[in-house]
Amino acid sequence: MGSLITLQLDGIKEAVAKIKKLEGFEKKRTKIISILRSSAKPLLLDMKGRAPKSTGGSHTVTYSKGGNKFLRPGSLKRSHGIMRSRNRRIAQVLVGPRGGKKAGKNEGFYGKFVHEGEGNHKNARKYLAASVRAVGPSVAAMVSKRLQTQLLAIR
């Protein structure tokens, strides 16, 4: 796959382990995901603001398996979102460009190429890493604070 930029939070693994020990983890997981989603919004807005926009016009991308996709300038920026992890055993959200069916008409599968400078996107634009460096610490502090208050409310 591609590179992954991870934001590690101190004490999060311990907090999630405590919550897992409580009965009804699925409800707790849903609550944790809602906290993570709402806390990740500043990071999402920063990523959207830093995403490069094509200066060229609209174009059609042909897939190797067949089919075409019509892309407009700004599709990468509009494709960014907060997504829940497919792994049901952990409470995790992913922030970045969406691809596939969930992206709808704003396909962002090429976000990795733009970020890393691969394929037709020769110049690497490290806008995702810059967003994590700029907004990541404040998001980490917000998540830690909200999870601690949630843990205190559970007891």
N, C-alpha and C. Protein backbone atom coordinates (compact mmCIF):
# COMPACT_ATOMS: atom_id res chain seq x y z
N MET A 1 0.86 -1.17 0.00
CA MET A 1 0.00 0.00 0.00
C MET A 1 0.89 1.22 0.00
N GLY A 2 0.51 2.28 0.60
CA GLY A 2 1.29 3.49 0.61
C GLY A 2 1.83 3.81 1.97
N SER A 3 2.38 4.99 2.06
CA SER A 3 2.90 5.41 3.35
C SER A 3 1.75 5.83 4.26
N LEU A 4 1.99 5.76 5.55
CA LEU A 4 0.95 6.07 6.53
C LEU A 4 1.53 7.05 7.51
N ILE A 5 0.83 8.15 7.73
CA ILE A 5 1.24 9.12 8.72
C ILE A 5 0.38 8.87 9.94
N THR A 6 1.01 8.56 11.07
CA THR A 6 0.29 8.19 12.27
C THR A 6 0.54 9.22 13.35
N LEU A 7 -0.52 9.56 14.05
CA LEU A 7 -0.43 10.47 15.18
C LEU A 7 -0.61 9.65 16.44
N GLN A 8 0.45 9.47 17.20
CA GLN A 8 0.39 8.67 18.42
C GLN A 8 0.03 9.56 19.59
N LEU A 9 -0.88 9.09 20.42
CA LEU A 9 -1.31 9.84 21.59
C LEU A 9 -0.83 9.11 22.84
N ASP A 10 -0.23 9.84 23.77
CA ASP A 10 0.23 9.23 25.02
C ASP A 10 -0.96 8.86 25.87
N GLY A 11 -0.95 7.63 26.38
CA GLY A 11 -1.99 7.19 27.29
C GLY A 11 -3.26 6.70 26.63
N ILE A 12 -3.37 6.80 25.32
CA ILE A 12 -4.60 6.41 24.63
C ILE A 12 -4.78 4.89 24.71
N LYS A 13 -3.71 4.14 24.51
CA LYS A 13 -3.83 2.68 24.55
C LYS A 13 -4.32 2.21 25.91
N GLU A 14 -3.81 2.84 26.98
CA GLU A 14 -4.24 2.47 28.32
C GLU A 14 -5.70 2.82 28.54
N ALA A 15 -6.11 4.01 28.06
CA ALA A 15 -7.51 4.42 28.22
C ALA A 15 -8.45 3.49 27.47
N VAL A 16 -8.08 3.14 26.25
CA VAL A 16 -8.92 2.23 25.46
C VAL A 16 -8.97 0.85 26.10
N ALA A 17 -7.85 0.41 26.68
CA ALA A 17 -7.83 -0.90 27.36
C ALA A 17 -8.77 -0.89 28.56
N LYS A 18 -8.81 0.22 29.30
CA LYS A 18 -9.73 0.32 30.44
C LYS A 18 -11.18 0.28 29.96
N ILE A 19 -11.46 0.98 28.89
CA ILE A 19 -12.82 1.02 28.37
C ILE A 19 -13.23 -0.36 27.85
N LYS A 20 -12.28 -1.08 27.23
CA LYS A 20 -12.58 -2.42 26.72
C LYS A 20 -12.97 -3.38 27.83
N LYS A 21 -12.35 -3.20 29.01
CA LYS A 21 -12.65 -4.09 30.13
C LYS A 21 -14.06 -3.90 30.64
N LEU A 22 -14.64 -2.74 30.42
CA LEU A 22 -16.00 -2.50 30.86
C LEU A 22 -16.96 -3.29 29.97
N GLU A 23 -18.12 -3.61 30.48
CA GLU A 23 -19.08 -4.38 29.69
C GLU A 23 -19.67 -3.51 28.58
N GLY A 24 -20.08 -4.13 27.52
CA GLY A 24 -20.69 -3.42 26.39
C GLY A 24 -19.70 -2.58 25.62
N PHE A 25 -18.58 -3.18 25.21
CA PHE A 25 -17.54 -2.42 24.51
C PHE A 25 -18.06 -1.78 23.23
N GLU A 26 -19.01 -2.41 22.55
CA GLU A 26 -19.51 -1.86 21.28
C GLU A 26 -20.09 -0.47 21.47
N LYS A 27 -20.82 -0.26 22.56
CA LYS A 27 -21.37 1.07 22.84
C LYS A 27 -20.25 2.05 23.19
N LYS A 28 -19.28 1.57 23.95
CA LYS A 28 -18.14 2.42 24.31
C LYS A 28 -17.33 2.77 23.06
N ARG A 29 -17.16 1.78 22.17
CA ARG A 29 -16.42 2.00 20.93
C ARG A 29 -17.10 3.08 20.09
N THR A 30 -18.42 3.02 20.03
CA THR A 30 -19.16 4.03 19.29
C THR A 30 -18.93 5.42 19.88
N LYS A 31 -18.92 5.50 21.20
CA LYS A 31 -18.68 6.78 21.87
C LYS A 31 -17.26 7.28 21.61
N ILE A 32 -16.29 6.36 21.67
CA ILE A 32 -14.90 6.75 21.41
C ILE A 32 -14.76 7.26 19.98
N ILE A 33 -15.40 6.57 19.03
CA ILE A 33 -15.31 7.00 17.63
C ILE A 33 -15.95 8.37 17.45
N SER A 34 -17.05 8.64 18.13
CA SER A 34 -17.66 9.97 18.01
C SER A 34 -16.73 11.03 18.58
N ILE A 35 -16.03 10.73 19.67
CA ILE A 35 -15.06 11.67 20.24
C ILE A 35 -13.92 11.90 19.25
N LEU A 36 -13.41 10.82 18.66
CA LEU A 36 -12.31 10.94 17.70
C LEU A 36 -12.73 11.72 16.45
N ARG A 37 -13.94 11.45 15.96
CA ARG A 37 -14.42 12.15 14.76
C ARG A 37 -14.56 13.65 15.01
N SER A 38 -15.15 14.01 16.13
CA SER A 38 -15.34 15.44 16.40
C SER A 38 -14.01 16.13 16.68
N SER A 39 -13.07 15.41 17.28
CA SER A 39 -11.76 15.99 17.57
C SER A 39 -10.90 16.12 16.32
N ALA A 40 -11.14 15.30 15.31
CA ALA A 40 -10.32 15.32 14.10
C ALA A 40 -10.76 16.38 13.09
N LYS A 41 -11.84 17.08 13.35
CA LYS A 41 -12.33 18.08 12.38
C LYS A 41 -11.32 19.19 12.10
N PRO A 42 -10.60 19.74 13.12
CA PRO A 42 -9.59 20.75 12.77
C PRO A 42 -8.50 20.22 11.85
N LEU A 43 -8.11 18.96 12.04
CA LEU A 43 -7.11 18.35 11.17
C LEU A 43 -7.65 18.22 9.75
N LEU A 44 -8.90 17.80 9.63
CA LEU A 44 -9.53 17.67 8.31
C LEU A 44 -9.58 19.02 7.59
N LEU A 45 -9.98 20.06 8.30
CA LEU A 45 -10.06 21.39 7.69
C LEU A 45 -8.69 21.88 7.24
N ASP A 46 -7.66 21.60 8.03
CA ASP A 46 -6.31 22.00 7.65
C ASP A 46 -5.84 21.24 6.42
N MET A 47 -6.14 19.93 6.36
CA MET A 47 -5.76 19.13 5.19
C MET A 47 -6.45 19.64 3.93
N LYS A 48 -7.73 19.96 4.06
CA LYS A 48 -8.47 20.48 2.90
C LYS A 48 -7.88 21.81 2.45
N GLY A 49 -7.48 22.64 3.40
CA GLY A 49 -6.89 23.94 3.06
C GLY A 49 -5.55 23.82 2.37
N ARG A 50 -4.78 22.81 2.73
CA ARG A 50 -3.44 22.63 2.15
C ARG A 50 -3.44 21.79 0.87
N ALA A 51 -4.53 21.09 0.58
CA ALA A 51 -4.57 20.21 -0.60
C ALA A 51 -4.39 21.04 -1.87
N PRO A 52 -3.49 20.62 -2.75
CA PRO A 52 -3.28 21.37 -3.99
C PRO A 52 -4.45 21.21 -4.95
N LYS A 53 -4.71 22.27 -5.70
CA LYS A 53 -5.79 22.24 -6.69
C LYS A 53 -5.17 22.34 -8.08
N SER A 54 -5.63 21.49 -8.97
CA SER A 54 -5.10 21.46 -10.32
C SER A 54 -5.40 22.77 -11.04
N THR A 55 -4.42 23.24 -11.80
CA THR A 55 -4.62 24.46 -12.59
C THR A 55 -5.18 24.13 -13.96
N GLY A 56 -5.10 22.86 -14.34
CA GLY A 56 -5.65 22.44 -15.63
C GLY A 56 -7.15 22.26 -15.55
N GLY A 57 -7.74 21.88 -16.64
CA GLY A 57 -9.18 21.67 -16.68
C GLY A 57 -9.56 20.28 -16.23
N SER A 58 -10.82 19.95 -16.43
CA SER A 58 -11.32 18.62 -16.10
C SER A 58 -10.72 17.59 -17.04
N HIS A 59 -10.60 16.37 -16.56
CA HIS A 59 -10.06 15.31 -17.40
C HIS A 59 -10.68 13.98 -16.99
N THR A 60 -10.53 12.99 -17.86
CA THR A 60 -11.07 11.66 -17.62
C THR A 60 -9.94 10.70 -17.32
N VAL A 61 -10.13 9.88 -16.28
CA VAL A 61 -9.15 8.87 -15.90
C VAL A 61 -9.72 7.52 -16.32
N THR A 62 -8.93 6.72 -17.03
CA THR A 62 -9.34 5.39 -17.44
C THR A 62 -8.70 4.37 -16.51
N TYR A 63 -9.50 3.50 -15.92
CA TYR A 63 -9.01 2.49 -15.00
C TYR A 63 -8.52 1.27 -15.76
N SER A 64 -7.57 0.55 -15.17
CA SER A 64 -7.01 -0.63 -15.83
C SER A 64 -8.05 -1.75 -15.95
N LYS A 65 -8.99 -1.81 -15.01
CA LYS A 65 -10.02 -2.85 -15.06
C LYS A 65 -11.20 -2.45 -15.93
N GLY A 66 -11.11 -1.31 -16.55
CA GLY A 66 -12.20 -0.84 -17.40
C GLY A 66 -13.00 0.24 -16.69
N GLY A 67 -13.62 1.09 -17.44
CA GLY A 67 -14.40 2.16 -16.87
C GLY A 67 -13.62 3.46 -16.83
N ASN A 68 -14.35 4.54 -16.78
CA ASN A 68 -13.75 5.87 -16.77
C ASN A 68 -14.28 6.65 -15.57
N LYS A 69 -13.51 7.64 -15.14
CA LYS A 69 -13.92 8.53 -14.06
C LYS A 69 -13.60 9.94 -14.49
N PHE A 70 -14.58 10.83 -14.39
CA PHE A 70 -14.42 12.22 -14.77
C PHE A 70 -14.00 13.01 -13.54
N LEU A 71 -12.83 13.66 -13.60
CA LEU A 71 -12.31 14.42 -12.47
C LEU A 71 -12.28 15.91 -12.79
N ARG A 72 -12.76 16.70 -11.85
CA ARG A 72 -12.75 18.15 -11.99
C ARG A 72 -11.64 18.71 -11.11
N PRO A 73 -11.15 19.91 -11.39
CA PRO A 73 -10.18 20.53 -10.48
C PRO A 73 -10.80 20.69 -9.09
N GLY A 74 -10.04 20.36 -8.06
CA GLY A 74 -10.53 20.46 -6.69
C GLY A 74 -11.12 19.17 -6.16
N SER A 75 -11.10 18.10 -6.95
CA SER A 75 -11.65 16.81 -6.50
C SER A 75 -10.88 16.25 -5.32
N LEU A 76 -9.57 16.45 -5.31
CA LEU A 76 -8.76 15.94 -4.20
C LEU A 76 -9.16 16.61 -2.90
N LYS A 77 -9.33 17.92 -2.94
CA LYS A 77 -9.72 18.67 -1.75
C LYS A 77 -11.10 18.23 -1.26
N ARG A 78 -12.03 18.04 -2.17
CA ARG A 78 -13.38 17.64 -1.78
C ARG A 78 -13.46 16.18 -1.33
N SER A 79 -12.46 15.37 -1.71
CA SER A 79 -12.50 13.95 -1.35
C SER A 79 -12.07 13.70 0.09
N HIS A 80 -11.45 14.67 0.76
CA HIS A 80 -10.97 14.47 2.13
C HIS A 80 -12.15 14.28 3.08
N GLY A 81 -11.95 13.37 4.01
CA GLY A 81 -13.00 13.13 4.99
C GLY A 81 -12.47 12.37 6.19
N ILE A 82 -13.35 12.16 7.17
CA ILE A 82 -13.04 11.38 8.36
C ILE A 82 -13.77 10.06 8.22
N MET A 83 -13.01 8.96 8.18
CA MET A 83 -13.59 7.64 7.93
C MET A 83 -13.35 6.73 9.13
N ARG A 84 -14.30 5.86 9.39
CA ARG A 84 -14.16 4.88 10.46
C ARG A 84 -13.35 3.71 9.93
N SER A 85 -12.53 3.13 10.79
CA SER A 85 -11.72 1.98 10.40
C SER A 85 -12.63 0.77 10.15
N ARG A 86 -12.23 -0.09 9.25
CA ARG A 86 -13.01 -1.30 8.97
C ARG A 86 -12.87 -2.33 10.07
N ASN A 87 -11.79 -2.25 10.83
CA ASN A 87 -11.55 -3.20 11.91
C ASN A 87 -12.50 -2.88 13.06
N ARG A 88 -13.42 -3.80 13.35
CA ARG A 88 -14.44 -3.57 14.37
C ARG A 88 -13.91 -3.79 15.79
N ARG A 89 -12.70 -4.34 15.92
CA ARG A 89 -12.16 -4.62 17.25
C ARG A 89 -11.44 -3.44 17.86
N ILE A 90 -11.20 -2.39 17.07
CA ILE A 90 -10.52 -1.22 17.61
C ILE A 90 -11.33 0.02 17.31
N ALA A 91 -11.14 1.02 18.13
CA ALA A 91 -11.79 2.32 17.91
C ALA A 91 -10.77 3.22 17.24
N GLN A 92 -10.95 3.48 15.95
CA GLN A 92 -9.97 4.23 15.19
C GLN A 92 -10.68 4.98 14.07
N VAL A 93 -10.21 6.18 13.78
CA VAL A 93 -10.71 6.91 12.62
C VAL A 93 -9.52 7.28 11.74
N LEU A 94 -9.78 7.43 10.47
CA LEU A 94 -8.77 7.78 9.49
C LEU A 94 -9.16 9.12 8.87
N VAL A 95 -8.18 9.98 8.69
CA VAL A 95 -8.43 11.29 8.11
C VAL A 95 -7.58 11.40 6.85
N GLY A 96 -8.20 11.77 5.74
CA GLY A 96 -7.46 11.92 4.50
C GLY A 96 -8.36 11.77 3.29
N PRO A 97 -7.76 11.64 2.10
CA PRO A 97 -8.56 11.51 0.88
C PRO A 97 -9.25 10.15 0.80
N ARG A 98 -10.50 10.19 0.37
CA ARG A 98 -11.27 8.96 0.20
C ARG A 98 -11.15 8.49 -1.24
N GLY A 99 -11.29 7.19 -1.42
CA GLY A 99 -11.28 6.61 -2.76
C GLY A 99 -12.36 5.57 -2.85
N GLY A 100 -12.66 5.12 -4.05
CA GLY A 100 -13.65 4.08 -4.22
C GLY A 100 -15.07 4.59 -4.17
N LYS A 101 -16.00 3.73 -3.79
CA LYS A 101 -17.42 4.08 -3.80
C LYS A 101 -17.78 5.16 -2.80
N LYS A 102 -17.11 5.17 -1.64
CA LYS A 102 -17.44 6.15 -0.61
C LYS A 102 -17.07 7.56 -1.02
N ALA A 103 -16.17 7.70 -1.97
CA ALA A 103 -15.76 9.03 -2.40
C ALA A 103 -16.81 9.68 -3.29
N GLY A 104 -17.64 8.86 -3.91
CA GLY A 104 -18.65 9.41 -4.81
C GLY A 104 -18.00 10.02 -6.04
N LYS A 105 -18.46 11.19 -6.43
CA LYS A 105 -17.91 11.81 -7.63
C LYS A 105 -16.60 12.55 -7.35
N ASN A 106 -16.23 12.70 -6.08
CA ASN A 106 -14.98 13.37 -5.73
C ASN A 106 -13.93 12.33 -5.35
N GLU A 107 -13.39 11.70 -6.35
CA GLU A 107 -12.42 10.62 -6.17
C GLU A 107 -11.08 11.21 -5.74
N GLY A 108 -10.48 10.63 -4.70
CA GLY A 108 -9.19 11.11 -4.23
C GLY A 108 -8.16 10.01 -4.13
N PHE A 109 -8.31 8.96 -4.94
CA PHE A 109 -7.38 7.83 -4.89
C PHE A 109 -5.96 8.26 -5.17
N TYR A 110 -5.76 9.35 -5.88
CA TYR A 110 -4.43 9.79 -6.28
C TYR A 110 -3.79 10.70 -5.23
N GLY A 111 -4.41 10.85 -4.06
CA GLY A 111 -3.85 11.68 -2.99
C GLY A 111 -2.46 11.25 -2.57
N LYS A 112 -2.24 9.93 -2.52
CA LYS A 112 -0.91 9.40 -2.17
C LYS A 112 0.11 9.79 -3.24
N PHE A 113 -0.29 9.76 -4.49
CA PHE A 113 0.64 10.12 -5.57
C PHE A 113 1.05 11.59 -5.46
N VAL A 114 0.09 12.45 -5.16
CA VAL A 114 0.38 13.88 -5.02
C VAL A 114 1.29 14.09 -3.81
N HIS A 115 0.99 13.41 -2.71
CA HIS A 115 1.77 13.58 -1.48
C HIS A 115 3.19 13.08 -1.64
N GLU A 116 3.37 11.92 -2.27
CA GLU A 116 4.69 11.29 -2.39
C GLU A 116 5.43 11.69 -3.66
N GLY A 117 4.74 12.28 -4.64
CA GLY A 117 5.40 12.64 -5.89
C GLY A 117 5.60 11.45 -6.81
N GLU A 118 4.59 10.61 -6.95
CA GLU A 118 4.68 9.40 -7.78
C GLU A 118 3.77 9.52 -8.99
N GLY A 119 4.01 8.66 -9.97
CA GLY A 119 3.16 8.62 -11.16
C GLY A 119 3.25 9.91 -11.96
N ASN A 120 2.12 10.44 -12.37
CA ASN A 120 2.08 11.67 -13.15
C ASN A 120 2.34 12.91 -12.29
N HIS A 121 2.34 12.75 -11.00
CA HIS A 121 2.54 13.88 -10.08
C HIS A 121 4.00 13.87 -9.62
N LYS A 122 4.87 14.43 -10.44
CA LYS A 122 6.31 14.31 -10.22
C LYS A 122 6.79 15.09 -8.99
N ASN A 123 6.19 16.24 -8.71
CA ASN A 123 6.64 17.05 -7.58
C ASN A 123 5.88 16.63 -6.32
N ALA A 124 6.62 16.17 -5.32
CA ALA A 124 5.98 15.76 -4.06
C ALA A 124 5.49 16.99 -3.32
N ARG A 125 4.25 16.94 -2.89
CA ARG A 125 3.66 18.02 -2.08
C ARG A 125 3.23 17.38 -0.77
N LYS A 126 4.03 17.50 0.23
CA LYS A 126 3.81 16.84 1.52
C LYS A 126 2.78 17.59 2.36
N TYR A 127 1.60 17.82 1.81
CA TYR A 127 0.58 18.59 2.52
C TYR A 127 -0.04 17.82 3.68
N LEU A 128 -0.11 16.49 3.60
CA LEU A 128 -0.68 15.70 4.70
C LEU A 128 0.24 15.73 5.91
N ALA A 129 1.54 15.55 5.68
CA ALA A 129 2.50 15.58 6.78
C ALA A 129 2.56 16.98 7.41
N ALA A 130 2.46 18.01 6.59
CA ALA A 130 2.47 19.38 7.12
C ALA A 130 1.26 19.64 8.00
N SER A 131 0.12 19.11 7.61
CA SER A 131 -1.10 19.27 8.42
C SER A 131 -0.97 18.56 9.75
N VAL A 132 -0.42 17.35 9.73
CA VAL A 132 -0.25 16.61 10.98
C VAL A 132 0.73 17.32 11.90
N ARG A 133 1.81 17.88 11.33
CA ARG A 133 2.77 18.62 12.15
C ARG A 133 2.14 19.88 12.75
N ALA A 134 1.32 20.57 11.96
CA ALA A 134 0.76 21.84 12.41
C ALA A 134 -0.38 21.67 13.41
N VAL A 135 -1.32 20.77 13.12
CA VAL A 135 -2.54 20.66 13.91
C VAL A 135 -2.54 19.43 14.82
N GLY A 136 -1.68 18.47 14.54
CA GLY A 136 -1.66 17.22 15.27
C GLY A 136 -1.56 17.35 16.79
N PRO A 137 -0.63 18.15 17.31
CA PRO A 137 -0.53 18.26 18.77
C PRO A 137 -1.80 18.78 19.45
N SER A 138 -2.46 19.75 18.83
CA SER A 138 -3.70 20.26 19.43
C SER A 138 -4.81 19.23 19.37
N VAL A 139 -4.87 18.45 18.29
CA VAL A 139 -5.86 17.38 18.18
C VAL A 139 -5.58 16.31 19.22
N ALA A 140 -4.31 15.96 19.42
CA ALA A 140 -3.95 14.96 20.42
C ALA A 140 -4.35 15.41 21.82
N ALA A 141 -4.12 16.66 22.13
CA ALA A 141 -4.50 17.18 23.44
C ALA A 141 -6.01 17.16 23.63
N MET A 142 -6.74 17.52 22.57
CA MET A 142 -8.20 17.53 22.64
C MET A 142 -8.75 16.12 22.85
N VAL A 143 -8.21 15.15 22.13
CA VAL A 143 -8.67 13.76 22.27
C VAL A 143 -8.38 13.25 23.67
N SER A 144 -7.18 13.51 24.16
CA SER A 144 -6.82 13.05 25.51
C SER A 144 -7.75 13.64 26.55
N LYS A 145 -8.02 14.93 26.44
CA LYS A 145 -8.89 15.60 27.41
C LYS A 145 -10.31 15.02 27.36
N ARG A 146 -10.84 14.84 26.16
CA ARG A 146 -12.21 14.32 26.02
C ARG A 146 -12.32 12.87 26.48
N LEU A 147 -11.30 12.06 26.20
CA LEU A 147 -11.34 10.67 26.66
C LEU A 147 -11.23 10.58 28.18
N GLN A 148 -10.42 11.44 28.78
CA GLN A 148 -10.32 11.43 30.24
C GLN A 148 -11.63 11.82 30.89
N THR A 149 -12.31 12.83 30.36
CA THR A 149 -13.61 13.20 30.92
C THR A 149 -14.63 12.10 30.72
N GLN A 150 -14.55 11.39 29.59
CA GLN A 150 -15.46 10.27 29.33
C GLN A 150 -15.19 9.13 30.31
N LEU A 151 -13.92 8.85 30.59
CA LEU A 151 -13.57 7.80 31.55
C LEU A 151 -14.06 8.16 32.95
N LEU A 152 -13.96 9.40 33.33
CA LEU A 152 -14.43 9.83 34.64
C LEU A 152 -15.95 9.69 34.74
N ALA A 153 -16.64 9.94 33.63
CA ALA A 153 -18.10 9.83 33.62
C ALA A 153 -18.55 8.37 33.71
N ILE A 154 -17.74 7.45 33.19
CA ILE A 154 -18.11 6.02 33.18
C ILE A 154 -18.02 5.45 34.59
N ARG A 155 -17.03 5.86 35.35
CA ARG A 155 -16.81 5.29 36.69
C ARG A 155 -17.99 5.55 37.53
